[in-house]
Amino acid sequence: MKDKLIDLLTSIYALCMFVAVFAGAVTAAIYLVGFIAGGGFGEACAKFGAAIMNKAIPISAAGSVIGMIGFYVQGRHELTMDKK
């Protein structure tokens, strides 16, 4: 049961991070096109990119929280050291 919960949390974390990184790449491409085009089209591209990131940032934050919960359910954390 615990292993299935850890797998579920890890999968949700991975999906959230994939969506956030993909949205960031799309936004970067939109900003680049807008910068090259300039003018009113560039402004519209910047506003559209901002709208995408306003959706992606909360997804990324939620994924990070879910990932941390998965670490603690598993009983290990990457930022701790084992005493030998």
Protein backbone atom coordinates (compact mmCIF):
# COMPACT_ATOMS: atom_id res chain seq x y z
CA MET A 1 0.00 0.00 0.00
CA LYS A 2 2.78 2.39 0.94
CA ASP A 3 4.67 1.62 -2.28
CA LYS A 4 1.58 2.32 -4.38
CA LEU A 5 1.07 5.65 -2.60
CA ILE A 6 4.71 6.60 -3.20
CA ASP A 7 4.40 5.64 -6.89
CA LEU A 8 1.22 7.72 -7.20
CA LEU A 9 2.78 10.77 -5.55
CA THR A 10 5.91 10.43 -7.68
CA SER A 11 3.84 10.18 -10.85
CA ILE A 12 1.79 13.25 -9.95
CA TYR A 13 4.97 15.15 -9.13
CA ALA A 14 6.56 14.14 -12.45
CA LEU A 15 3.47 15.11 -14.43
CA CYS A 16 3.23 18.51 -12.72
CA MET A 17 6.90 19.23 -13.34
CA PHE A 18 6.63 18.12 -16.98
CA VAL A 19 3.67 20.44 -17.55
CA ALA A 20 5.45 23.35 -15.84
CA VAL A 21 8.72 22.90 -17.76
CA PHE A 22 6.86 22.43 -21.06
CA ALA A 23 4.81 25.58 -20.39
CA GLY A 24 8.03 27.46 -19.65
CA ALA A 25 9.57 26.32 -22.94
CA VAL A 26 6.45 27.31 -24.87
CA THR A 27 6.42 30.67 -23.13
CA ALA A 28 10.08 31.25 -23.96
CA ALA A 29 9.37 30.51 -27.62
CA ILE A 30 6.38 32.87 -27.60
CA TYR A 31 8.47 35.63 -26.00
CA LEU A 32 11.19 35.12 -28.60
CA VAL A 33 8.70 35.36 -31.46
CA GLY A 34 7.14 38.43 -29.87
CA PHE A 35 10.52 40.06 -29.38
CA ILE A 36 11.46 39.50 -33.00
CA ALA A 37 8.07 40.63 -34.34
CA GLY A 38 7.72 43.62 -32.04
CA GLY A 39 4.87 46.11 -32.08
CA GLY A 40 1.33 45.14 -31.21
CA PHE A 41 1.92 41.50 -32.05
CA GLY A 42 4.89 41.39 -29.68
CA GLU A 43 2.78 42.91 -26.94
CA ALA A 44 0.05 40.33 -27.53
CA CYS A 45 2.65 37.54 -27.41
CA ALA A 46 4.00 38.84 -24.10
CA LYS A 47 0.52 38.97 -22.58
CA PHE A 48 -0.26 35.47 -23.82
CA GLY A 49 3.02 34.16 -22.42
CA ALA A 50 2.26 35.77 -19.07
CA ALA A 51 -1.18 34.12 -19.05
CA ILE A 52 0.45 30.72 -19.66
CA MET A 53 2.93 31.22 -16.84
CA ASN A 54 0.19 32.37 -14.46
CA LYS A 55 -1.28 28.88 -14.89
CA ALA A 56 2.04 26.99 -14.85
CA ILE A 57 3.47 28.46 -11.65
CA PRO A 58 0.70 27.13 -9.35
CA ILE A 59 0.94 23.73 -11.07
CA SER A 60 4.67 23.70 -10.36
CA ALA A 61 4.14 24.70 -6.73
CA ALA A 62 1.51 22.02 -6.21
CA GLY A 63 3.78 19.43 -7.80
CA SER A 64 6.63 20.42 -5.51
CA VAL A 65 4.44 20.00 -2.42
CA ILE A 66 3.24 16.60 -3.65
CA GLY A 67 6.85 15.58 -4.32
CA MET A 68 7.91 16.58 -0.81
CA ILE A 69 5.02 14.61 0.67
CA GLY A 70 6.20 11.62 -1.36
CA PHE A 71 9.73 11.97 0.06
CA TYR A 72 8.48 12.01 3.64
CA VAL A 73 6.04 9.12 3.11
CA GLN A 74 8.94 7.13 1.69
CA GLY A 75 11.01 7.95 4.75
CA ARG A 76 13.98 9.54 3.01
CA HIS A 77 14.93 12.96 1.80
CA GLU A 78 17.67 14.07 -0.56
CA LEU A 79 18.83 16.86 1.76
CA THR A 80 19.68 14.62 4.70
CA MET A 81 22.90 12.78 5.38
CA ASP A 82 23.19 9.27 6.72
CA LYS A 83 25.55 8.79 9.61
CA LYS A 84 28.05 6.05 8.97
